[in-house]
Amino acid sequence: MNVAGIVVAAGRGTRFGGPKHIADLAGEPLWRRARDSLLAGGCEYPVGVADLPGAVPGGERRRDSVAAGLRALPGDVEFVLVHDAARALAGPGLAKAVIARLRVGDCDAVVPVVPVRDTIKQVDGVAVTATVDRTDLVLVQTPQGFRAAVLRAAHAAGSEDASDDAVLVERAGGRVVTVPGEITNFKITYPDDLRLAEALFR
């Protein structure tokens, strides 16, 4: 087997008001849309990490959930895609682009990114303390792609938490590169995000 995937959907959904991975978007739950995007993009073996029948139970932290998904994958997997169920609007072309970039063979991980369009301010409470230069800044999305052996090693190298798995590979000295993301591939975090996603289907 060449490409497997992990759909992370084990969060509590505190900011959403409940488990968002089962929220309905145009007739389908978010987790299924995220999984189907991976399948259509070339992922042969997607594993769900969630409180769902047939899924792998998640952990306390995001990295714990991804580690649980890694343990559920076959040992002969070459590449792994890690995707957030909350990014259910990702098109299959994004997974295809990530996989194609991994196959080039000159990197350990691939992350889709979009440019920062807004001015960024640093604040202390309500007071602006600085304006951040956005020239070299990007917003990172999922699915993120990894050489399976590198991702397994990065997870085994320490226990410190991380906001995404690319951070773990970076800490281990791996080379992470980017591909263009999709502006519509935003993360559904709050109820208003789901309403915005629903508007795209009208």
N, C-alpha and C. Protein backbone atom coordinates (compact mmCIF):
# COMPACT_ATOMS: atom_id res chain seq x y z
N MET A 1 0.84 -1.20 0.00
CA MET A 1 0.00 0.00 0.00
C MET A 1 0.88 1.25 0.00
N ASN A 2 0.45 2.25 -0.75
CA ASN A 2 1.29 3.41 -0.96
C ASN A 2 0.87 4.64 -0.16
N VAL A 3 -0.43 4.98 -0.20
CA VAL A 3 -0.91 6.20 0.45
C VAL A 3 -2.07 5.89 1.39
N ALA A 4 -1.89 6.24 2.66
CA ALA A 4 -2.96 6.09 3.65
C ALA A 4 -3.30 7.47 4.19
N GLY A 5 -4.39 7.54 4.93
CA GLY A 5 -4.82 8.83 5.46
C GLY A 5 -5.37 8.71 6.86
N ILE A 6 -5.28 9.80 7.59
CA ILE A 6 -5.86 9.89 8.94
C ILE A 6 -6.76 11.11 8.96
N VAL A 7 -8.03 10.89 9.25
CA VAL A 7 -8.99 11.98 9.38
C VAL A 7 -9.20 12.23 10.87
N VAL A 8 -8.72 13.37 11.34
CA VAL A 8 -8.75 13.68 12.77
C VAL A 8 -10.08 14.35 13.11
N ALA A 9 -10.85 13.69 13.98
CA ALA A 9 -12.18 14.21 14.33
C ALA A 9 -12.50 13.93 15.79
N ALA A 10 -11.48 13.96 16.63
CA ALA A 10 -11.67 13.56 18.02
C ALA A 10 -11.78 14.73 18.98
N GLY A 11 -11.79 15.96 18.46
CA GLY A 11 -11.88 17.13 19.34
C GLY A 11 -13.24 17.25 20.01
N ARG A 12 -13.28 18.00 21.09
CA ARG A 12 -14.54 18.17 21.83
C ARG A 12 -15.47 19.18 21.18
N GLY A 13 -14.95 20.02 20.31
CA GLY A 13 -15.80 21.01 19.64
C GLY A 13 -16.33 22.07 20.60
N THR A 14 -15.50 22.47 21.57
CA THR A 14 -15.94 23.43 22.59
C THR A 14 -16.40 24.74 21.97
N ARG A 15 -15.62 25.27 21.04
CA ARG A 15 -15.96 26.55 20.42
C ARG A 15 -17.14 26.42 19.47
N PHE A 16 -17.38 25.21 18.98
CA PHE A 16 -18.49 24.98 18.06
C PHE A 16 -19.80 24.76 18.82
N GLY A 17 -19.68 24.33 20.08
CA GLY A 17 -20.88 24.05 20.87
C GLY A 17 -21.23 22.59 20.93
N GLY A 18 -20.32 21.72 20.52
CA GLY A 18 -20.54 20.28 20.52
C GLY A 18 -19.68 19.62 19.47
N PRO A 19 -19.76 18.30 19.33
CA PRO A 19 -18.93 17.58 18.36
C PRO A 19 -19.21 18.02 16.93
N LYS A 20 -18.28 18.72 16.34
CA LYS A 20 -18.56 19.28 15.01
C LYS A 20 -18.37 18.26 13.89
N HIS A 21 -17.63 17.19 14.14
CA HIS A 21 -17.37 16.23 13.06
C HIS A 21 -18.64 15.54 12.58
N ILE A 22 -19.70 15.55 13.43
CA ILE A 22 -20.96 14.94 13.00
C ILE A 22 -21.96 15.99 12.51
N ALA A 23 -21.55 17.25 12.50
CA ALA A 23 -22.44 18.31 12.00
C ALA A 23 -22.76 18.09 10.53
N ASP A 24 -23.97 18.38 10.16
CA ASP A 24 -24.43 18.16 8.78
C ASP A 24 -24.04 19.32 7.89
N LEU A 25 -23.46 18.99 6.74
CA LEU A 25 -23.17 19.99 5.71
C LEU A 25 -23.71 19.48 4.39
N ALA A 26 -24.81 20.09 3.96
CA ALA A 26 -25.46 19.70 2.69
C ALA A 26 -25.74 18.20 2.63
N GLY A 27 -26.23 17.67 3.75
CA GLY A 27 -26.67 16.28 3.76
C GLY A 27 -25.65 15.25 4.18
N GLU A 28 -24.44 15.67 4.51
CA GLU A 28 -23.42 14.74 4.94
C GLU A 28 -22.66 15.29 6.14
N PRO A 29 -22.23 14.41 7.06
CA PRO A 29 -21.43 14.91 8.19
C PRO A 29 -20.06 15.37 7.72
N LEU A 30 -19.48 16.28 8.46
CA LEU A 30 -18.18 16.84 8.09
C LEU A 30 -17.13 15.75 7.94
N TRP A 31 -17.08 14.79 8.86
CA TRP A 31 -16.03 13.78 8.81
C TRP A 31 -16.08 12.98 7.52
N ARG A 32 -17.30 12.70 7.03
CA ARG A 32 -17.42 11.90 5.80
C ARG A 32 -16.97 12.70 4.58
N ARG A 33 -17.29 13.99 4.57
CA ARG A 33 -16.83 14.83 3.45
C ARG A 33 -15.30 14.89 3.42
N ALA A 34 -14.69 15.02 4.59
CA ALA A 34 -13.23 15.06 4.66
C ALA A 34 -12.63 13.74 4.20
N ARG A 35 -13.20 12.64 4.64
CA ARG A 35 -12.71 11.32 4.23
C ARG A 35 -12.86 11.10 2.73
N ASP A 36 -14.01 11.45 2.19
CA ASP A 36 -14.26 11.23 0.77
C ASP A 36 -13.34 12.08 -0.10
N SER A 37 -12.97 13.26 0.39
CA SER A 37 -12.02 14.10 -0.34
C SER A 37 -10.67 13.40 -0.45
N LEU A 38 -10.23 12.75 0.62
CA LEU A 38 -8.97 12.00 0.57
C LEU A 38 -9.07 10.83 -0.40
N LEU A 39 -10.17 10.10 -0.33
CA LEU A 39 -10.35 8.95 -1.23
C LEU A 39 -10.33 9.38 -2.69
N ALA A 40 -11.05 10.44 -3.01
CA ALA A 40 -11.09 10.93 -4.39
C ALA A 40 -9.75 11.50 -4.83
N GLY A 41 -8.93 11.90 -3.85
CA GLY A 41 -7.62 12.47 -4.17
C GLY A 41 -6.49 11.47 -4.27
N GLY A 42 -6.78 10.18 -4.07
CA GLY A 42 -5.76 9.16 -4.23
C GLY A 42 -5.33 8.44 -2.97
N CYS A 43 -6.00 8.71 -1.86
CA CYS A 43 -5.69 8.01 -0.61
C CYS A 43 -6.39 6.65 -0.63
N GLU A 44 -5.62 5.60 -0.44
CA GLU A 44 -6.15 4.24 -0.57
C GLU A 44 -6.77 3.71 0.73
N TYR A 45 -6.35 4.25 1.86
CA TYR A 45 -6.73 3.64 3.13
C TYR A 45 -6.93 4.74 4.18
N PRO A 46 -8.10 5.38 4.20
CA PRO A 46 -8.32 6.43 5.21
C PRO A 46 -8.81 5.84 6.53
N VAL A 47 -8.24 6.30 7.62
CA VAL A 47 -8.64 5.88 8.96
C VAL A 47 -9.22 7.09 9.69
N GLY A 48 -10.39 6.93 10.27
CA GLY A 48 -10.99 7.99 11.05
C GLY A 48 -10.61 7.87 12.51
N VAL A 49 -10.28 8.99 13.12
CA VAL A 49 -9.99 9.03 14.55
C VAL A 49 -11.08 9.87 15.18
N ALA A 50 -12.05 9.20 15.80
CA ALA A 50 -13.24 9.91 16.29
C ALA A 50 -14.06 8.97 17.16
N ASP A 51 -15.04 9.55 17.81
CA ASP A 51 -16.02 8.78 18.57
C ASP A 51 -17.14 8.37 17.63
N LEU A 52 -16.81 7.40 16.77
CA LEU A 52 -17.74 6.92 15.76
C LEU A 52 -17.59 5.40 15.63
N PRO A 53 -18.64 4.69 15.26
CA PRO A 53 -18.51 3.24 15.04
C PRO A 53 -17.47 2.94 13.95
N GLY A 54 -16.56 2.04 14.25
CA GLY A 54 -15.55 1.65 13.28
C GLY A 54 -14.35 2.56 13.22
N ALA A 55 -14.37 3.65 13.98
CA ALA A 55 -13.25 4.58 13.98
C ALA A 55 -12.29 4.25 15.12
N VAL A 56 -11.12 4.84 15.08
CA VAL A 56 -10.12 4.68 16.13
C VAL A 56 -10.38 5.72 17.22
N PRO A 57 -10.43 5.33 18.49
CA PRO A 57 -10.63 6.32 19.55
C PRO A 57 -9.50 7.34 19.59
N GLY A 58 -9.84 8.59 19.80
CA GLY A 58 -8.84 9.64 19.84
C GLY A 58 -8.19 9.78 21.21
N GLY A 59 -7.20 10.67 21.28
CA GLY A 59 -6.49 10.91 22.53
C GLY A 59 -6.85 12.26 23.13
N GLU A 60 -6.16 12.60 24.19
CA GLU A 60 -6.43 13.86 24.90
C GLU A 60 -6.05 15.06 24.04
N ARG A 61 -4.92 14.95 23.34
CA ARG A 61 -4.43 16.04 22.50
C ARG A 61 -4.49 15.62 21.03
N ARG A 62 -4.35 16.62 20.16
CA ARG A 62 -4.38 16.33 18.72
C ARG A 62 -3.29 15.34 18.35
N ARG A 63 -2.07 15.55 18.83
CA ARG A 63 -0.97 14.66 18.46
C ARG A 63 -1.22 13.25 18.97
N ASP A 64 -1.92 13.10 20.10
CA ASP A 64 -2.26 11.77 20.60
C ASP A 64 -3.24 11.08 19.65
N SER A 65 -4.17 11.84 19.10
CA SER A 65 -5.13 11.27 18.16
C SER A 65 -4.45 10.84 16.87
N VAL A 66 -3.55 11.67 16.37
CA VAL A 66 -2.82 11.30 15.14
C VAL A 66 -1.96 10.08 15.39
N ALA A 67 -1.32 10.00 16.55
CA ALA A 67 -0.51 8.83 16.89
C ALA A 67 -1.37 7.57 16.92
N ALA A 68 -2.58 7.68 17.45
CA ALA A 68 -3.49 6.54 17.45
C ALA A 68 -3.84 6.12 16.03
N GLY A 69 -4.05 7.10 15.15
CA GLY A 69 -4.31 6.79 13.75
C GLY A 69 -3.13 6.12 13.09
N LEU A 70 -1.93 6.59 13.39
CA LEU A 70 -0.72 5.98 12.83
C LEU A 70 -0.60 4.51 13.22
N ARG A 71 -0.93 4.21 14.46
CA ARG A 71 -0.83 2.82 14.93
C ARG A 71 -1.83 1.92 14.21
N ALA A 72 -2.91 2.50 13.70
CA ALA A 72 -3.93 1.72 13.02
C ALA A 72 -3.63 1.48 11.54
N LEU A 73 -2.58 2.13 11.02
CA LEU A 73 -2.26 2.00 9.60
C LEU A 73 -1.38 0.78 9.34
N PRO A 74 -1.48 0.20 8.14
CA PRO A 74 -0.58 -0.89 7.78
C PRO A 74 0.88 -0.45 7.82
N GLY A 75 1.76 -1.37 8.12
CA GLY A 75 3.17 -1.03 8.27
C GLY A 75 3.88 -0.69 6.98
N ASP A 76 3.31 -1.10 5.83
CA ASP A 76 4.00 -0.89 4.56
C ASP A 76 3.59 0.40 3.84
N VAL A 77 2.86 1.27 4.54
CA VAL A 77 2.45 2.53 3.93
C VAL A 77 3.67 3.41 3.69
N GLU A 78 3.74 4.01 2.50
CA GLU A 78 4.85 4.90 2.18
C GLU A 78 4.56 6.35 2.55
N PHE A 79 3.33 6.80 2.23
CA PHE A 79 2.94 8.18 2.50
C PHE A 79 1.68 8.21 3.36
N VAL A 80 1.57 9.24 4.20
CA VAL A 80 0.40 9.42 5.06
C VAL A 80 -0.11 10.84 4.89
N LEU A 81 -1.41 10.97 4.67
CA LEU A 81 -2.06 12.28 4.67
C LEU A 81 -2.81 12.44 5.98
N VAL A 82 -2.63 13.57 6.63
CA VAL A 82 -3.35 13.88 7.87
C VAL A 82 -4.29 15.04 7.56
N HIS A 83 -5.58 14.81 7.79
CA HIS A 83 -6.60 15.78 7.40
C HIS A 83 -7.55 16.03 8.56
N ASP A 84 -7.93 17.28 8.75
CA ASP A 84 -8.90 17.65 9.79
C ASP A 84 -10.32 17.49 9.25
N ALA A 85 -11.16 16.81 10.00
CA ALA A 85 -12.56 16.71 9.60
C ALA A 85 -13.20 18.08 9.50
N ALA A 86 -12.68 19.04 10.25
CA ALA A 86 -13.22 20.40 10.24
C ALA A 86 -12.91 21.14 8.94
N ARG A 87 -12.03 20.58 8.11
CA ARG A 87 -11.77 21.18 6.79
C ARG A 87 -12.47 20.33 5.72
N ALA A 88 -13.77 20.26 5.86
CA ALA A 88 -14.57 19.38 5.00
C ALA A 88 -14.77 19.92 3.60
N LEU A 89 -14.32 21.15 3.32
CA LEU A 89 -14.49 21.74 1.99
C LEU A 89 -13.27 21.54 1.10
N ALA A 90 -12.27 20.85 1.58
CA ALA A 90 -11.09 20.61 0.74
C ALA A 90 -11.47 19.77 -0.48
N GLY A 91 -11.07 20.23 -1.65
CA GLY A 91 -11.34 19.47 -2.85
C GLY A 91 -10.35 18.33 -3.03
N PRO A 92 -10.70 17.29 -3.78
CA PRO A 92 -9.79 16.17 -3.99
C PRO A 92 -8.50 16.57 -4.69
N GLY A 93 -8.54 17.67 -5.45
CA GLY A 93 -7.32 18.13 -6.11
C GLY A 93 -6.24 18.52 -5.14
N LEU A 94 -6.61 18.90 -3.93
CA LEU A 94 -5.62 19.29 -2.94
C LEU A 94 -4.83 18.07 -2.47
N ALA A 95 -5.52 16.97 -2.18
CA ALA A 95 -4.82 15.74 -1.81
C ALA A 95 -3.93 15.26 -2.95
N LYS A 96 -4.42 15.36 -4.18
CA LYS A 96 -3.62 14.96 -5.34
C LYS A 96 -2.34 15.78 -5.43
N ALA A 97 -2.45 17.08 -5.19
CA ALA A 97 -1.28 17.96 -5.26
C ALA A 97 -0.27 17.63 -4.17
N VAL A 98 -0.75 17.35 -2.97
CA VAL A 98 0.14 17.00 -1.86
C VAL A 98 0.87 15.69 -2.15
N ILE A 99 0.13 14.69 -2.63
CA ILE A 99 0.75 13.40 -2.95
C ILE A 99 1.77 13.54 -4.06
N ALA A 100 1.42 14.29 -5.10
CA ALA A 100 2.35 14.48 -6.22
C ALA A 100 3.63 15.16 -5.76
N ARG A 101 3.52 16.13 -4.86
CA ARG A 101 4.73 16.81 -4.37
C ARG A 101 5.57 15.89 -3.50
N LEU A 102 4.94 15.02 -2.72
CA LEU A 102 5.68 14.04 -1.93
C LEU A 102 6.47 13.10 -2.83
N ARG A 103 5.86 12.72 -3.95
CA ARG A 103 6.51 11.76 -4.84
C ARG A 103 7.75 12.33 -5.53
N VAL A 104 7.91 13.64 -5.52
CA VAL A 104 9.12 14.23 -6.09
C VAL A 104 10.35 13.71 -5.35
N GLY A 105 10.19 13.49 -4.05
CA GLY A 105 11.23 12.82 -3.29
C GLY A 105 12.26 13.70 -2.62
N ASP A 106 12.08 15.01 -2.62
CA ASP A 106 13.09 15.91 -2.04
C ASP A 106 12.65 16.53 -0.72
N CYS A 107 11.60 15.97 -0.10
CA CYS A 107 11.10 16.54 1.15
C CYS A 107 10.54 15.43 2.03
N ASP A 108 10.27 15.80 3.28
CA ASP A 108 9.71 14.86 4.24
C ASP A 108 8.22 15.10 4.47
N ALA A 109 7.79 16.32 4.21
CA ALA A 109 6.39 16.68 4.44
C ALA A 109 5.97 17.79 3.48
N VAL A 110 4.67 17.82 3.20
CA VAL A 110 4.09 18.83 2.30
C VAL A 110 2.85 19.41 2.97
N VAL A 111 2.77 20.74 3.01
CA VAL A 111 1.59 21.39 3.59
C VAL A 111 0.99 22.35 2.58
N PRO A 112 -0.33 22.35 2.43
CA PRO A 112 -0.98 23.35 1.58
C PRO A 112 -1.10 24.67 2.32
N VAL A 113 -0.86 25.76 1.61
CA VAL A 113 -0.88 27.08 2.24
C VAL A 113 -1.61 28.08 1.35
N VAL A 114 -2.12 29.12 1.99
CA VAL A 114 -2.68 30.26 1.27
C VAL A 114 -2.03 31.53 1.82
N PRO A 115 -1.91 32.56 1.01
CA PRO A 115 -1.27 33.80 1.48
C PRO A 115 -2.10 34.50 2.54
N VAL A 116 -1.43 35.25 3.39
CA VAL A 116 -2.11 36.09 4.37
C VAL A 116 -2.58 37.35 3.64
N ARG A 117 -3.87 37.59 3.62
CA ARG A 117 -4.44 38.70 2.86
C ARG A 117 -4.65 39.95 3.71
N ASP A 118 -4.80 39.76 5.00
CA ASP A 118 -5.11 40.88 5.88
C ASP A 118 -3.85 41.41 6.57
N THR A 119 -3.90 42.66 6.99
CA THR A 119 -2.86 43.21 7.84
C THR A 119 -2.92 42.53 9.20
N ILE A 120 -1.75 42.21 9.75
CA ILE A 120 -1.69 41.51 11.04
C ILE A 120 -1.16 42.46 12.11
N LYS A 121 -1.90 42.58 13.19
CA LYS A 121 -1.51 43.43 14.31
C LYS A 121 -1.21 42.55 15.53
N GLN A 122 -0.17 42.92 16.25
CA GLN A 122 0.09 42.32 17.55
C GLN A 122 -0.57 43.21 18.61
N VAL A 123 -1.27 42.57 19.57
CA VAL A 123 -2.01 43.36 20.54
C VAL A 123 -1.70 42.92 21.97
N ASP A 124 -1.95 43.83 22.87
CA ASP A 124 -1.91 43.55 24.30
C ASP A 124 -3.28 43.96 24.83
N GLY A 125 -4.16 42.98 24.98
CA GLY A 125 -5.55 43.30 25.29
C GLY A 125 -6.20 43.95 24.09
N VAL A 126 -6.64 45.19 24.23
CA VAL A 126 -7.25 45.90 23.10
C VAL A 126 -6.27 46.86 22.43
N ALA A 127 -5.08 47.00 23.01
CA ALA A 127 -4.10 47.96 22.48
C ALA A 127 -3.19 47.31 21.44
N VAL A 128 -3.04 47.97 20.30
CA VAL A 128 -2.12 47.49 19.26
C VAL A 128 -0.69 47.84 19.67
N THR A 129 0.18 46.84 19.65
CA THR A 129 1.58 47.06 20.05
C THR A 129 2.54 46.98 18.87
N ALA A 130 2.12 46.37 17.76
CA ALA A 130 3.01 46.27 16.60
C ALA A 130 2.21 45.80 15.39
N THR A 131 2.74 46.11 14.21
CA THR A 131 2.21 45.57 12.96
C THR A 131 3.21 44.57 12.42
N VAL A 132 2.75 43.37 12.14
CA VAL A 132 3.63 42.27 11.74
C VAL A 132 3.80 42.26 10.23
N ASP A 133 5.03 42.12 9.78
CA ASP A 133 5.32 42.01 8.36
C ASP A 133 4.79 40.67 7.85
N ARG A 134 3.86 40.70 6.91
CA ARG A 134 3.23 39.47 6.43
C ARG A 134 3.89 38.92 5.17
N THR A 135 4.97 39.52 4.72
CA THR A 135 5.59 39.15 3.45
C THR A 135 5.88 37.66 3.36
N ASP A 136 6.45 37.11 4.41
CA ASP A 136 6.85 35.70 4.39
C ASP A 136 5.91 34.82 5.21
N LEU A 137 4.71 35.29 5.48
CA LEU A 137 3.75 34.52 6.27
C LEU A 137 2.71 33.87 5.37
N VAL A 138 2.30 32.66 5.75
CA VAL A 138 1.23 31.96 5.04
C VAL A 138 0.32 31.30 6.07
N LEU A 139 -0.88 30.96 5.66
CA LEU A 139 -1.82 30.21 6.49
C LEU A 139 -1.79 28.75 6.05
N VAL A 140 -1.63 27.87 7.00
CA VAL A 140 -1.44 26.44 6.70
C VAL A 140 -2.77 25.69 6.82
N GLN A 141 -3.00 24.76 5.88
CA GLN A 141 -4.22 23.99 5.84
C GLN A 141 -3.90 22.49 5.96
N THR A 142 -4.93 21.68 5.89
CA THR A 142 -4.80 20.24 5.70
C THR A 142 -5.63 19.88 4.47
N PRO A 143 -5.36 18.73 3.82
CA PRO A 143 -4.50 17.63 4.25
C PRO A 143 -3.01 17.94 4.12
N GLN A 144 -2.27 17.50 5.13
CA GLN A 144 -0.81 17.58 5.09
C GLN A 144 -0.27 16.18 4.79
N GLY A 145 0.77 16.13 3.99
CA GLY A 145 1.32 14.84 3.58
C GLY A 145 2.70 14.60 4.16
N PHE A 146 2.99 13.33 4.45
CA PHE A 146 4.25 12.98 5.10
C PHE A 146 4.78 11.65 4.57
N ARG A 147 6.08 11.52 4.59
CA ARG A 147 6.67 10.19 4.47
C ARG A 147 6.32 9.46 5.77
N ALA A 148 5.71 8.31 5.65
CA ALA A 148 5.19 7.62 6.83
C ALA A 148 6.28 7.37 7.87
N ALA A 149 7.45 6.93 7.43
CA ALA A 149 8.52 6.64 8.38
C ALA A 149 8.96 7.89 9.12
N VAL A 150 8.98 9.01 8.41
CA VAL A 150 9.39 10.28 9.04
C VAL A 150 8.35 10.72 10.06
N LEU A 151 7.08 10.60 9.73
CA LEU A 151 6.03 11.02 10.66
C LEU A 151 6.02 10.13 11.90
N ARG A 152 6.19 8.83 11.71
CA ARG A 152 6.24 7.93 12.87
C ARG A 152 7.41 8.30 13.78
N ALA A 153 8.57 8.55 13.18
CA ALA A 153 9.75 8.91 13.96
C ALA A 153 9.56 10.23 14.69
N ALA A 154 8.92 11.19 14.02
CA ALA A 154 8.69 12.50 14.64
C ALA A 154 7.77 12.38 15.85
N HIS A 155 6.77 11.52 15.76
CA HIS A 155 5.87 11.31 16.89
C HIS A 155 6.58 10.58 18.03
N ALA A 156 7.52 9.73 17.69
CA ALA A 156 8.24 8.98 18.73
C ALA A 156 9.35 9.79 19.38
N ALA A 157 9.70 10.92 18.77
CA ALA A 157 10.88 11.67 19.23
C ALA A 157 10.63 12.48 20.50
N GLY A 158 9.40 12.75 20.85
CA GLY A 158 9.12 13.56 22.03
C GLY A 158 7.65 13.56 22.34
N SER A 159 7.29 14.24 23.42
CA SER A 159 5.89 14.26 23.85
C SER A 159 5.28 15.66 23.84
N GLU A 160 6.06 16.67 23.45
CA GLU A 160 5.54 18.04 23.44
C GLU A 160 4.43 18.18 22.41
N ASP A 161 3.39 18.90 22.77
CA ASP A 161 2.25 19.05 21.88
C ASP A 161 2.61 19.97 20.71
N ALA A 162 1.79 19.93 19.67
CA ALA A 162 2.02 20.75 18.47
C ALA A 162 0.67 21.06 17.84
N SER A 163 0.59 22.20 17.17
CA SER A 163 -0.66 22.60 16.53
C SER A 163 -0.95 21.81 15.27
N ASP A 164 0.10 21.28 14.64
CA ASP A 164 -0.09 20.36 13.52
C ASP A 164 1.11 19.42 13.45
N ASP A 165 1.01 18.41 12.60
CA ASP A 165 2.07 17.39 12.55
C ASP A 165 3.32 17.88 11.83
N ALA A 166 3.17 18.88 10.97
CA ALA A 166 4.34 19.44 10.30
C ALA A 166 5.31 20.04 11.32
N VAL A 167 4.78 20.58 12.41
CA VAL A 167 5.63 21.13 13.47
C VAL A 167 6.53 20.04 14.04
N LEU A 168 5.99 18.84 14.23
CA LEU A 168 6.78 17.74 14.78
C LEU A 168 7.91 17.36 13.84
N VAL A 169 7.62 17.35 12.54
CA VAL A 169 8.66 17.04 11.55
C VAL A 169 9.71 18.14 11.52
N GLU A 170 9.28 19.40 11.62
CA GLU A 170 10.22 20.52 11.66
C GLU A 170 11.16 20.38 12.86
N ARG A 171 10.60 20.06 14.03
CA ARG A 171 11.41 19.92 15.24
C ARG A 171 12.45 18.81 15.09
N ALA A 172 12.09 17.77 14.34
CA ALA A 172 13.00 16.64 14.14
C ALA A 172 14.02 16.90 13.04
N GLY A 173 13.98 18.10 12.44
CA GLY A 173 14.94 18.45 11.41
C GLY A 173 14.53 18.07 10.01
N GLY A 174 13.28 17.67 9.81
CA GLY A 174 12.81 17.30 8.49
C GLY A 174 12.54 18.49 7.60
N ARG A 175 12.50 18.25 6.31
CA ARG A 175 12.25 19.31 5.33
C ARG A 175 10.77 19.35 4.98
N VAL A 176 10.14 20.49 5.24
CA VAL A 176 8.72 20.68 4.96
C VAL A 176 8.59 21.70 3.84
N VAL A 177 7.84 21.36 2.80
CA VAL A 177 7.62 22.28 1.68
C VAL A 177 6.13 22.54 1.53
N THR A 178 5.79 23.49 0.68
CA THR A 178 4.40 23.91 0.53
C THR A 178 3.89 23.68 -0.89
N VAL A 179 2.56 23.56 -0.98
CA VAL A 179 1.85 23.61 -2.26
C VAL A 179 0.70 24.62 -2.08
N PRO A 180 0.19 25.18 -3.16
CA PRO A 180 -0.92 26.13 -3.01
C PRO A 180 -2.15 25.46 -2.41
N GLY A 181 -2.74 26.11 -1.42
CA GLY A 181 -3.97 25.62 -0.82
C GLY A 181 -5.19 26.17 -1.55
N GLU A 182 -6.34 26.03 -0.92
CA GLU A 182 -7.59 26.50 -1.50
C GLU A 182 -8.24 27.50 -0.54
N ILE A 183 -8.60 28.65 -1.04
CA ILE A 183 -9.16 29.69 -0.18
C ILE A 183 -10.47 29.25 0.47
N THR A 184 -11.19 28.33 -0.18
CA THR A 184 -12.45 27.84 0.39
C THR A 184 -12.24 26.73 1.42
N ASN A 185 -11.00 26.29 1.59
CA ASN A 185 -10.69 25.20 2.52
C ASN A 185 -10.46 25.76 3.93
N PHE A 186 -11.44 26.51 4.42
CA PHE A 186 -11.29 27.08 5.75
C PHE A 186 -11.72 26.06 6.82
N LYS A 187 -11.24 26.27 8.02
CA LYS A 187 -11.54 25.36 9.12
C LYS A 187 -12.86 25.75 9.78
N ILE A 188 -13.76 24.80 9.91
CA ILE A 188 -15.04 25.04 10.56
C ILE A 188 -14.82 24.92 12.06
N THR A 189 -14.78 26.06 12.72
CA THR A 189 -14.48 26.12 14.15
C THR A 189 -15.68 26.60 14.96
N TYR A 190 -16.39 27.59 14.42
CA TYR A 190 -17.54 28.18 15.10
C TYR A 190 -18.81 27.92 14.29
N PRO A 191 -19.99 28.01 14.90
CA PRO A 191 -21.24 27.82 14.15
C PRO A 191 -21.35 28.71 12.92
N ASP A 192 -20.83 29.93 12.99
CA ASP A 192 -20.88 30.82 11.83
C ASP A 192 -20.08 30.26 10.66
N ASP A 193 -19.02 29.51 10.95
CA ASP A 193 -18.22 28.90 9.88
C ASP A 193 -19.05 27.87 9.12
N LEU A 194 -19.85 27.11 9.85
CA LEU A 194 -20.71 26.12 9.19
C LEU A 194 -21.75 26.81 8.32
N ARG A 195 -22.29 27.92 8.79
CA ARG A 195 -23.26 28.66 7.97
C ARG A 195 -22.61 29.20 6.70
N LEU A 196 -21.36 29.63 6.81
CA LEU A 196 -20.65 30.08 5.63
C LEU A 196 -20.41 28.93 4.66
N ALA A 197 -20.03 27.77 5.19
CA ALA A 197 -19.83 26.60 4.35
C ALA A 197 -21.12 26.19 3.64
N GLU A 198 -22.23 26.25 4.36
CA GLU A 198 -23.52 25.91 3.76
C GLU A 198 -23.88 26.84 2.61
N ALA A 199 -23.46 28.11 2.73
CA ALA A 199 -23.75 29.08 1.68
C ALA A 199 -23.05 28.73 0.38
N LEU A 200 -21.91 28.06 0.47
CA LEU A 200 -21.18 27.67 -0.74
C LEU A 200 -21.88 26.57 -1.53
N PHE A 201 -22.83 25.90 -0.90
CA PHE A 201 -23.56 24.82 -1.58
C PHE A 201 -24.87 25.31 -2.18
N ARG A 202 -25.20 26.56 -2.00
CA ARG A 202 -26.48 27.08 -2.51
C ARG A 202 -26.34 27.55 -3.95
